Amino acid sequence: MSDYRVVNPATGAVESEYLTASDTEIADILARSNAAFAALGRTTLGERMAVLYRVADRYLERVDALAALITREMGKPTAEAVAEIEYVAGIYRYYADQAPTLLADQRLDSDSDGIAFVRKAPIGSLLGIMPWNYPYYQVARFAAPNLLVGNTIILKHAPQCPESALAIERVFRESGLTTDAYLNVFASNDQVAQIIADPRVHGVSVTGSERAGAAVAAVAGANLKKVVLELGGSDAFIVLDTADLPGVVDIAVAARMSNAGQACNAAKRFIVADGLYDEFVERFTAAMAAQTTGDPTDAATSYGPLSSEAAAVGLLAQVEDAVGKGATLQTGGRRLDRPGAFVEATVLTDVTPGMRAYHEELFGPVAVVYRVHDADEAIALANDTTYGLGGVVYHSDPAVAFEVADRLDTGMVWVNAPEGGGPELPFGGTKRSGVGRELGPYGIDEFVNRKLIHVPTTAGAASS
């Protein structure tokens, strides 16, 4: 049985299977990607920009069909799937729009006799290892800037997303991208290690679990390859003071429940000041209990199934561990009595460091709420994690909110607003949430050769 198959998480049914690549096919892909790098290098920046514009157009032209694929593969509700594709089109357009600025030569001040500047040049073929939770978005934020620069892409997608993986490859091909500049591969873990070790591959980008990132980084490090790692998160949503607690609670629920809670930068830990805690828990619990799950194609569904049976079992084991050790289950905590990987929206309180839910990422519709007495305690609790991806701070005094945000050990913080994003904003974290950045001007700089070029201004300097 192949690892690459569509198992509809709403039904548990296996809908399609695809063969894992043979070693001969892996060798062929490596050779083709390397040859494509030279061909892509002969294109102009304007030509590569035009390809990205066409890619954006095709995503929007095929939005319904592309959305239906990921609803079947990983259970994303139709409206969220459509929104993901619209966001993806915006990423490709952003990099096409901003290309002349992002890739402009940078003049350097120098005391040397001449003109010095840095030019961003491509480095070669790259491997991307992408997850199932945002099948199009995760690929776009890696592929768009790197294809624009002139790097070529070998893309290993999640085993449960073979059809969206093939659809992405088809979009690039039909948009006129240089032949073989983007190649999909259904590789095994052993084959991934072989690809990373191959001297024709010059870098690897992973979005996924901490375990996957560590395994890839070990192979990449042994082979002196650059890595970008976008890994897990346990983001804190801090509420210290607000004149609109009901509104903040609505935002908190949306922040936890988007994509059924299966987002690395979703709010997972809700840290609430003592004076607001009781009302927050009451309102938040009621709102979470009102969330409905079911058929992801039904517009009345609040959130879809978890991505797989294993994901549902693993998440509930974390909940059961916490409750068994004294945590309070405010709502949820059970499977739905129906086929599919459906889990009730769940709220835990009284979680302590001896519980798995305190230290581990909860990748699903489970929220933990903590009580704190002041900002210092909130900051200490928020930073008491191996992760450092994002966070949110609410306080009616913007100066206080900014001070708290500045003291959080994370890669991203949002003040008096829910965690958001945009093609122009860098995405990434600290600690075990990974290294490197994607999106924005920083995302295009990860896999480039910042080549210093010095041109003398006197005749004598040229021959010295």
Protein backbone atom coordinates (compact mmCIF):
# COMPACT_ATOMS: atom_id res chain seq x y z
CA MET A 1 0.00 0.00 0.00
CA SER A 2 1.38 3.41 -1.00
CA ASP A 3 1.95 6.14 1.56
CA TYR A 4 0.49 8.63 -0.93
CA ARG A 5 -3.27 8.28 -0.81
CA VAL A 6 -6.38 10.33 -0.25
CA VAL A 7 -8.21 9.20 2.89
CA ASN A 8 -11.23 11.45 3.25
CA PRO A 9 -11.18 12.45 6.95
CA ALA A 10 -14.92 13.16 6.90
CA THR A 11 -15.69 9.53 6.05
CA GLY A 12 -12.54 7.52 6.65
CA ALA A 13 -12.77 6.14 3.09
CA VAL A 14 -9.69 5.64 0.93
CA GLU A 15 -10.52 7.48 -2.30
CA SER A 16 -7.32 7.20 -4.32
CA GLU A 17 -3.72 5.96 -4.12
CA TYR A 18 -0.49 6.93 -5.88
CA LEU A 19 2.80 5.05 -6.23
CA THR A 20 5.86 6.21 -4.35
CA ALA A 21 8.66 7.15 -6.75
CA SER A 22 11.28 4.57 -7.62
CA ASP A 23 14.96 5.31 -7.07
CA THR A 24 15.33 5.58 -10.84
CA GLU A 25 12.60 8.23 -10.92
CA ILE A 26 14.32 10.13 -8.08
CA ALA A 27 17.59 10.16 -10.03
CA ASP A 28 15.74 11.43 -13.10
CA ILE A 29 14.05 14.22 -11.13
CA LEU A 30 17.38 15.37 -9.70
CA ALA A 31 18.93 15.50 -13.17
CA ARG A 32 15.96 17.33 -14.69
CA SER A 33 15.81 19.91 -11.89
CA ASN A 34 19.52 20.60 -12.23
CA ALA A 35 19.22 21.05 -16.00
CA ALA A 36 16.20 23.31 -15.53
CA PHE A 37 18.25 25.63 -13.30
CA ALA A 38 20.45 26.56 -16.24
CA ALA A 39 17.41 27.06 -18.46
CA LEU A 40 15.59 29.20 -15.89
CA GLY A 41 18.73 31.31 -15.56
CA ARG A 42 18.42 32.27 -19.21
CA THR A 43 14.99 33.83 -18.62
CA THR A 44 14.60 37.47 -17.70
CA LEU A 45 13.12 38.74 -14.46
CA GLY A 46 10.21 40.11 -16.45
CA GLU A 47 9.50 36.68 -17.89
CA ARG A 48 9.52 35.08 -14.44
CA MET A 49 7.23 37.82 -13.15
CA ALA A 50 4.80 37.09 -15.97
CA VAL A 51 4.73 33.41 -14.99
CA LEU A 52 3.80 34.28 -11.41
CA TYR A 53 0.99 36.52 -12.62
CA ARG A 54 -0.36 33.68 -14.75
CA VAL A 55 -0.09 31.28 -11.81
CA ALA A 56 -2.18 33.66 -9.70
CA ASP A 57 -4.79 33.89 -12.45
CA ARG A 58 -5.06 30.13 -12.82
CA TYR A 59 -5.57 29.59 -9.10
CA LEU A 60 -8.52 31.98 -9.21
CA GLU A 61 -9.91 30.53 -12.44
CA ARG A 62 -9.93 27.03 -10.89
CA VAL A 63 -10.75 27.97 -7.33
CA ASP A 64 -13.75 25.67 -6.90
CA ALA A 65 -12.03 22.56 -8.27
CA LEU A 66 -8.83 23.21 -6.35
CA ALA A 67 -10.78 23.85 -3.14
CA ALA A 68 -12.67 20.58 -3.52
CA LEU A 69 -9.39 18.65 -3.67
CA ILE A 70 -8.17 19.76 -0.26
CA THR A 71 -11.60 19.37 1.30
CA ARG A 72 -11.38 15.69 0.35
CA GLU A 73 -7.73 15.32 1.29
CA MET A 74 -7.60 17.00 4.71
CA GLY A 75 -11.14 18.09 5.58
CA LYS A 76 -10.92 21.85 5.16
CA PRO A 77 -14.42 23.40 4.92
CA THR A 78 -15.20 24.73 1.46
CA ALA A 79 -15.28 28.39 2.46
CA GLU A 80 -11.86 28.13 4.16
CA ALA A 81 -10.45 26.21 1.19
CA VAL A 82 -11.60 28.96 -1.20
CA ALA A 83 -10.10 31.62 1.10
CA GLU A 84 -6.76 29.79 1.13
CA ILE A 85 -6.63 29.77 -2.66
CA GLU A 86 -7.46 33.47 -2.86
CA TYR A 87 -4.65 34.17 -0.39
CA VAL A 88 -2.29 32.04 -2.48
CA ALA A 89 -3.07 34.08 -5.59
CA GLY A 90 -2.18 37.18 -3.57
CA ILE A 91 1.23 35.72 -2.67
CA TYR A 92 2.15 35.11 -6.30
CA ARG A 93 0.95 38.58 -7.26
CA TYR A 94 2.88 40.20 -4.39
CA TYR A 95 6.19 38.73 -5.49
CA ALA A 96 5.54 39.56 -9.12
CA ASP A 97 4.56 43.13 -8.23
CA GLN A 98 7.51 43.71 -5.91
CA ALA A 99 10.18 41.86 -7.89
CA PRO A 100 12.08 44.92 -9.19
CA THR A 101 12.35 46.32 -5.66
CA LEU A 102 13.04 43.05 -3.85
CA LEU A 103 15.78 42.02 -6.29
CA ALA A 104 17.33 45.43 -6.90
CA ASP A 105 21.09 45.71 -6.49
CA GLN A 106 22.12 47.15 -3.12
CA ARG A 107 24.82 49.83 -3.34
CA LEU A 108 27.32 49.72 -0.46
CA ASP A 109 29.25 52.59 1.06
CA SER A 110 32.94 51.70 0.85
CA ASP A 111 36.30 53.36 1.35
CA SER A 112 37.76 51.27 -1.46
CA ASP A 113 38.54 52.78 -4.84
CA GLY A 114 35.48 51.76 -6.75
CA ILE A 115 31.80 50.96 -6.70
CA ALA A 116 30.58 48.07 -4.53
CA PHE A 117 27.15 46.52 -4.63
CA VAL A 118 25.39 43.28 -3.71
CA ARG A 119 23.36 41.38 -6.29
CA LYS A 120 20.94 38.60 -5.28
CA ALA A 121 21.63 35.55 -7.42
CA PRO A 122 19.96 32.12 -7.39
CA ILE A 123 21.84 29.18 -5.89
CA GLY A 124 20.33 26.17 -7.66
CA SER A 125 17.83 23.41 -7.07
CA LEU A 126 15.94 23.42 -3.76
CA LEU A 127 13.89 20.78 -1.98
CA GLY A 128 10.62 21.79 -0.35
CA ILE A 129 8.93 19.50 2.18
CA MET A 130 5.42 20.75 2.82
CA PRO A 131 2.58 19.78 5.21
CA TRP A 132 -1.07 18.94 4.77
CA ASN A 133 -2.75 21.66 6.81
CA TYR A 134 -2.54 24.42 4.15
CA PRO A 135 -1.72 22.44 1.00
CA TYR A 136 -1.57 25.38 -1.42
CA TYR A 137 -0.50 28.19 0.89
CA GLN A 138 2.55 26.44 2.33
CA VAL A 139 3.86 25.66 -1.14
CA ALA A 140 3.21 29.19 -2.43
CA ARG A 141 5.22 30.96 0.24
CA PHE A 142 8.24 28.75 -0.60
CA ALA A 143 7.87 28.45 -4.36
CA ALA A 144 6.88 31.99 -5.34
CA PRO A 145 9.98 33.87 -4.16
CA ASN A 146 12.42 31.14 -5.13
CA LEU A 147 11.15 30.68 -8.67
CA LEU A 148 11.19 34.45 -9.05
CA VAL A 149 14.86 34.57 -8.03
CA GLY A 150 15.68 31.74 -10.44
CA ASN A 151 16.02 28.72 -8.17
CA THR A 152 14.35 25.49 -9.25
CA ILE A 153 12.04 23.49 -7.00
CA ILE A 154 11.64 19.82 -6.14
CA LEU A 155 8.49 19.59 -4.02
CA LYS A 156 7.75 16.71 -1.67
CA HIS A 157 4.23 17.22 -0.35
CA ALA A 158 2.46 15.49 2.53
CA PRO A 159 1.45 11.89 1.71
CA GLN A 160 -2.22 12.68 2.24
CA CYS A 161 -2.20 15.50 -0.34
CA PRO A 162 -1.18 13.79 -3.60
CA GLU A 163 -3.94 15.27 -5.75
CA SER A 164 -3.42 18.88 -4.70
CA ALA A 165 0.34 18.30 -5.13
CA LEU A 166 -0.20 17.21 -8.72
CA ALA A 167 -2.60 20.11 -9.29
CA ILE A 168 0.05 22.63 -8.16
CA GLU A 169 2.61 21.14 -10.55
CA ARG A 170 0.05 21.33 -13.36
CA VAL A 171 -0.70 25.00 -12.64
CA PHE A 172 2.98 25.88 -13.00
CA ARG A 173 3.36 23.88 -16.19
CA GLU A 174 0.28 25.41 -17.80
CA SER A 175 1.40 28.91 -16.73
CA GLY A 176 4.51 28.65 -18.90
CA LEU A 177 7.14 28.04 -16.24
CA THR A 178 10.43 26.76 -17.64
CA THR A 179 10.17 22.98 -18.13
CA ASP A 180 11.11 21.03 -14.99
CA ALA A 181 11.72 24.18 -12.93
CA TYR A 182 9.03 22.87 -10.55
CA LEU A 183 8.79 19.11 -10.08
CA ASN A 184 6.51 17.18 -7.75
CA VAL A 185 7.93 14.00 -6.21
CA PHE A 186 6.18 11.29 -4.21
CA ALA A 187 9.27 10.36 -2.18
CA SER A 188 9.77 8.17 0.87
CA ASN A 189 11.65 9.46 3.92
CA ASP A 190 14.78 7.54 2.86
CA GLN A 191 14.56 9.06 -0.60
CA VAL A 192 14.19 12.52 0.91
CA ALA A 193 17.48 12.01 2.72
CA GLN A 194 19.09 10.99 -0.58
CA ILE A 195 17.76 14.11 -2.29
CA ILE A 196 19.09 16.38 0.46
CA ALA A 197 22.51 14.73 0.29
CA ASP A 198 22.77 15.06 -3.49
CA PRO A 199 25.28 17.81 -4.41
CA ARG A 200 22.90 19.18 -7.06
CA VAL A 201 20.46 20.24 -4.31
CA HIS A 202 21.55 23.43 -2.57
CA GLY A 203 18.97 23.95 0.17
CA VAL A 204 15.88 22.58 1.82
CA SER A 205 12.80 24.22 3.30
CA VAL A 206 10.52 22.33 5.69
CA THR A 207 7.17 23.30 7.13
CA GLY A 208 5.98 20.66 9.54
CA SER A 209 6.47 19.09 12.92
CA GLU A 210 9.40 19.62 15.25
CA ARG A 211 10.36 15.96 14.74
CA ALA A 212 10.38 16.27 10.95
CA GLY A 213 12.37 19.49 11.09
CA ALA A 214 15.02 17.99 13.35
CA ALA A 215 15.40 14.93 11.10
CA VAL A 216 15.78 17.02 7.95
CA ALA A 217 18.14 19.50 9.61
CA ALA A 218 20.41 16.65 10.73
CA VAL A 219 20.80 15.40 7.16
CA ALA A 220 21.14 18.91 5.76
CA GLY A 221 23.76 19.84 8.34
CA ALA A 222 25.79 16.72 7.60
CA ASN A 223 25.81 17.78 3.96
CA LEU A 224 26.36 21.51 4.56
CA LYS A 225 23.02 22.56 3.13
CA LYS A 226 21.09 25.69 4.06
CA VAL A 227 17.74 25.03 5.76
CA VAL A 228 14.61 27.01 6.56
CA LEU A 229 12.47 25.35 9.22
CA GLU A 230 8.90 26.46 9.92
CA LEU A 231 7.81 24.14 12.73
CA GLY A 232 5.31 23.98 15.57
CA GLY A 233 3.88 26.59 17.86
CA SER A 234 1.97 27.06 21.08
CA ASP A 235 0.99 30.69 20.68
CA ALA A 236 -0.26 32.67 23.64
CA PHE A 237 -3.34 34.89 23.43
CA ILE A 238 -2.90 37.32 26.35
CA VAL A 239 -5.84 39.36 27.66
CA LEU A 240 -4.82 41.78 30.41
CA ASP A 241 -7.38 44.56 30.04
CA THR A 242 -10.17 45.38 27.62
CA ALA A 243 -13.35 47.40 27.45
CA ASP A 244 -14.89 44.87 25.06
CA LEU A 245 -14.50 41.40 26.53
CA PRO A 246 -17.31 39.86 24.40
CA GLY A 247 -15.58 41.09 21.26
CA VAL A 248 -12.22 39.74 22.40
CA VAL A 249 -13.81 36.37 23.18
CA ASP A 250 -15.24 36.21 19.65
CA ILE A 251 -11.77 36.89 18.28
CA ALA A 252 -10.27 34.27 20.61
CA VAL A 253 -12.67 31.57 19.40
CA ALA A 254 -11.92 32.35 15.76
CA ALA A 255 -8.20 32.35 16.51
CA ARG A 256 -8.42 28.86 18.02
CA MET A 257 -10.89 27.27 15.61
CA SER A 258 -9.67 28.33 12.17
CA ASN A 259 -8.75 25.22 10.15
CA ALA A 260 -10.14 23.13 13.04
CA GLY A 261 -7.27 24.44 15.17
CA GLN A 262 -4.72 22.81 12.87
CA ALA A 263 -2.37 25.75 12.36
CA CYS A 264 1.11 26.19 13.77
CA ASN A 265 0.44 29.85 14.58
CA ALA A 266 -3.10 29.40 15.91
CA ALA A 267 -3.79 30.74 19.40
CA LYS A 268 -3.56 27.73 21.70
CA ARG A 269 -2.94 29.10 25.19
CA PHE A 270 -5.27 31.82 26.50
CA ILE A 271 -3.67 33.77 29.33
CA VAL A 272 -6.20 36.00 31.08
CA ALA A 273 -5.88 38.53 33.90
CA ASP A 274 -7.53 37.58 37.18
CA GLY A 275 -10.20 40.30 36.99
CA LEU A 276 -11.40 39.10 33.57
CA TYR A 277 -10.77 35.38 33.95
CA ASP A 278 -14.12 34.11 35.22
CA GLU A 279 -16.19 35.99 32.66
CA PHE A 280 -13.76 35.10 29.88
CA VAL A 281 -13.97 31.38 30.70
CA GLU A 282 -17.76 31.50 30.86
CA ARG A 283 -18.15 33.29 27.53
CA PHE A 284 -15.34 31.41 25.81
CA THR A 285 -16.65 28.02 26.91
CA ALA A 286 -20.15 28.81 25.71
CA ALA A 287 -18.88 30.00 22.34
CA MET A 288 -16.66 26.95 21.89
CA ALA A 289 -19.51 24.61 22.84
CA ALA A 290 -21.65 26.26 20.16
CA GLN A 291 -19.17 25.35 17.41
CA THR A 292 -20.54 22.72 15.07
CA THR A 293 -18.52 20.17 13.16
CA GLY A 294 -19.60 17.88 10.36
CA ASP A 295 -19.67 17.75 6.59
CA PRO A 296 -16.98 20.21 5.42
CA THR A 297 -18.96 20.94 2.25
CA ASP A 298 -21.95 22.17 4.30
CA ALA A 299 -21.94 25.94 4.80
CA ALA A 300 -23.52 25.47 8.25
CA THR A 301 -20.43 23.61 9.52
CA SER A 302 -18.23 25.72 11.82
CA TYR A 303 -15.17 23.52 11.44
CA GLY A 304 -14.32 20.29 9.70
CA PRO A 305 -12.82 16.99 10.80
CA LEU A 306 -9.25 16.62 11.92
CA SER A 307 -6.90 15.63 9.14
CA SER A 308 -6.78 11.93 10.01
CA GLU A 309 -7.80 9.23 12.45
CA ALA A 310 -4.32 9.34 13.99
CA ALA A 311 -4.64 13.09 14.57
CA ALA A 312 -7.95 12.66 16.39
CA VAL A 313 -6.66 9.83 18.57
CA GLY A 314 -3.48 11.73 19.44
CA LEU A 315 -5.27 14.94 20.35
CA LEU A 316 -7.77 13.20 22.62
CA ALA A 317 -4.92 11.38 24.36
CA GLN A 318 -3.47 14.76 25.31
CA VAL A 319 -6.86 15.87 26.66
CA GLU A 320 -7.34 12.64 28.61
CA ASP A 321 -3.86 12.98 30.13
CA ALA A 322 -4.68 16.48 31.38
CA VAL A 323 -8.07 15.56 32.82
CA GLY A 324 -6.64 12.44 34.43
CA LYS A 325 -4.05 14.59 36.22
CA GLY A 326 -6.54 17.14 37.53
CA ALA A 327 -7.33 19.59 34.73
CA THR A 328 -10.92 20.82 34.46
CA LEU A 329 -12.78 19.94 31.26
CA GLN A 330 -15.05 22.92 30.68
CA THR A 331 -16.57 21.54 27.47
CA GLY A 332 -15.92 18.97 24.76
CA GLY A 333 -13.23 16.33 24.97
CA ARG A 334 -14.99 13.61 22.98
CA ARG A 335 -15.23 12.09 19.52
CA LEU A 336 -18.46 12.51 17.59
CA ASP A 337 -20.44 9.29 17.26
CA ARG A 338 -20.18 9.10 13.48
CA PRO A 339 -17.64 8.06 10.85
CA GLY A 340 -14.73 10.44 10.35
CA ALA A 341 -12.11 12.16 12.48
CA PHE A 342 -14.49 14.55 14.25
CA VAL A 343 -13.59 15.95 17.69
CA GLU A 344 -15.68 18.30 19.82
CA ALA A 345 -14.39 21.82 20.43
CA THR A 346 -12.74 21.56 23.84
CA VAL A 347 -11.74 23.94 26.64
CA LEU A 348 -9.38 22.98 29.47
CA THR A 349 -8.56 24.98 32.60
CA ASP A 350 -6.36 24.26 35.63
CA VAL A 351 -3.64 22.81 33.42
CA THR A 352 -0.29 22.47 35.21
CA PRO A 353 3.30 21.72 34.13
CA GLY A 354 2.96 18.00 34.89
CA MET A 355 0.45 17.58 32.07
CA ARG A 356 1.20 17.01 28.39
CA ALA A 357 -1.18 19.83 27.45
CA TYR A 358 1.07 22.31 29.25
CA HIS A 359 4.20 21.62 27.20
CA GLU A 360 2.99 20.03 23.97
CA GLU A 361 1.41 21.63 20.95
CA LEU A 362 -2.34 20.95 20.74
CA PHE A 363 -2.97 20.62 17.02
CA GLY A 364 -6.74 20.68 16.86
CA PRO A 365 -9.86 22.27 18.40
CA VAL A 366 -8.58 22.29 22.01
CA ALA A 367 -7.90 25.46 23.99
CA VAL A 368 -6.24 25.88 27.38
CA VAL A 369 -7.11 28.91 29.53
CA TYR A 370 -4.80 30.15 32.30
CA ARG A 371 -5.36 32.71 35.07
CA VAL A 372 -2.61 35.26 35.85
CA HIS A 373 -2.40 38.18 38.25
CA ASP A 374 -0.35 40.70 36.28
CA ALA A 375 1.63 41.35 33.13
CA ASP A 376 4.86 39.91 34.51
CA GLU A 377 3.17 36.60 35.31
CA ALA A 378 1.54 36.57 31.86
CA ILE A 379 4.88 37.11 30.14
CA ALA A 380 6.60 34.43 32.20
CA LEU A 381 3.85 31.92 31.39
CA ALA A 382 3.76 32.83 27.71
CA ASN A 383 7.54 32.35 27.44
CA ASP A 384 7.50 29.07 29.39
CA THR A 385 7.46 26.94 26.24
CA THR A 386 9.96 25.41 23.88
CA TYR A 387 8.12 27.14 21.04
CA GLY A 388 8.32 30.76 19.94
CA LEU A 389 6.22 31.34 16.86
CA GLY A 390 3.59 34.03 17.43
CA GLY A 391 1.37 35.66 20.01
CA VAL A 392 -1.35 38.19 20.73
CA VAL A 393 -1.59 40.85 23.47
CA TYR A 394 -4.75 42.74 24.43
CA HIS A 395 -4.60 45.76 26.73
CA SER A 396 -6.63 48.97 26.62
CA ASP A 397 -3.41 50.98 27.05
CA PRO A 398 -1.47 50.52 23.78
CA ALA A 399 1.81 51.44 25.47
CA VAL A 400 1.42 48.63 27.99
CA ALA A 401 0.38 46.20 25.28
CA PHE A 402 3.45 47.09 23.24
CA GLU A 403 5.73 46.65 26.26
CA VAL A 404 4.32 43.17 26.90
CA ALA A 405 4.62 42.28 23.21
CA ASP A 406 8.24 43.41 23.18
CA ARG A 407 9.06 41.01 26.03
CA LEU A 408 7.59 37.91 24.36
CA ASP A 409 10.17 35.50 22.97
CA THR A 410 8.46 34.94 19.64
CA GLY A 411 9.00 35.67 15.98
CA MET A 412 5.68 37.49 15.58
CA VAL A 413 3.38 39.43 17.92
CA TRP A 414 0.05 41.15 17.26
CA VAL A 415 -1.07 43.97 19.53
CA ASN A 416 -4.79 44.48 20.17
CA ALA A 417 -5.61 42.47 17.05
CA PRO A 418 -5.85 38.79 16.15
CA GLU A 419 -2.87 37.08 14.59
CA GLY A 420 -3.03 37.81 10.92
CA GLY A 421 -0.64 37.95 8.03
CA GLY A 422 -0.12 38.99 4.47
CA PRO A 423 2.23 38.27 1.59
CA GLU A 424 4.29 41.31 2.61
CA LEU A 425 4.74 40.25 6.27
CA PRO A 426 7.53 37.86 7.29
CA PHE A 427 6.50 34.58 8.93
CA GLY A 428 8.72 32.60 11.31
CA GLY A 429 9.65 31.93 14.90
CA THR A 430 12.29 31.40 17.55
CA LYS A 431 13.41 28.46 19.68
CA ARG A 432 12.00 25.14 18.49
CA SER A 433 9.50 26.87 16.21
CA GLY A 434 12.25 26.93 13.63
CA VAL A 435 14.81 29.07 11.85
CA GLY A 436 14.50 31.42 8.90
CA ARG A 437 11.63 33.44 7.51
CA GLU A 438 9.11 33.11 4.72
CA LEU A 439 7.04 35.76 2.93
CA GLY A 440 7.73 39.45 2.60
CA PRO A 441 11.15 40.82 1.67
CA TYR A 442 12.85 38.41 4.10
CA GLY A 443 11.35 35.35 2.45
CA ILE A 444 13.08 36.05 -0.85
CA ASP A 445 16.48 36.38 0.85
CA GLU A 446 16.77 32.90 2.37
CA PHE A 447 18.08 30.98 -0.66
CA VAL A 448 20.12 33.55 -2.58
CA ASN A 449 23.77 34.21 -3.14
CA ARG A 450 24.30 37.78 -1.97
CA LYS A 451 27.08 38.33 -4.45
CA LEU A 452 29.43 41.26 -3.84
CA ILE A 453 30.51 42.90 -7.05
CA HIS A 454 33.23 45.55 -6.95
CA VAL A 455 34.03 47.72 -9.95
CA PRO A 456 37.12 49.98 -9.78
CA THR A 457 36.81 53.60 -10.76
CA THR A 458 40.50 54.18 -11.67
CA ALA A 459 42.56 52.58 -14.38
CA GLY A 460 45.29 51.53 -11.94
CA ALA A 461 42.87 49.69 -9.66
CA ALA A 462 41.75 47.41 -12.49
CA SER A 463 45.19 45.85 -12.92
CA SER A 464 46.36 45.81 -9.29
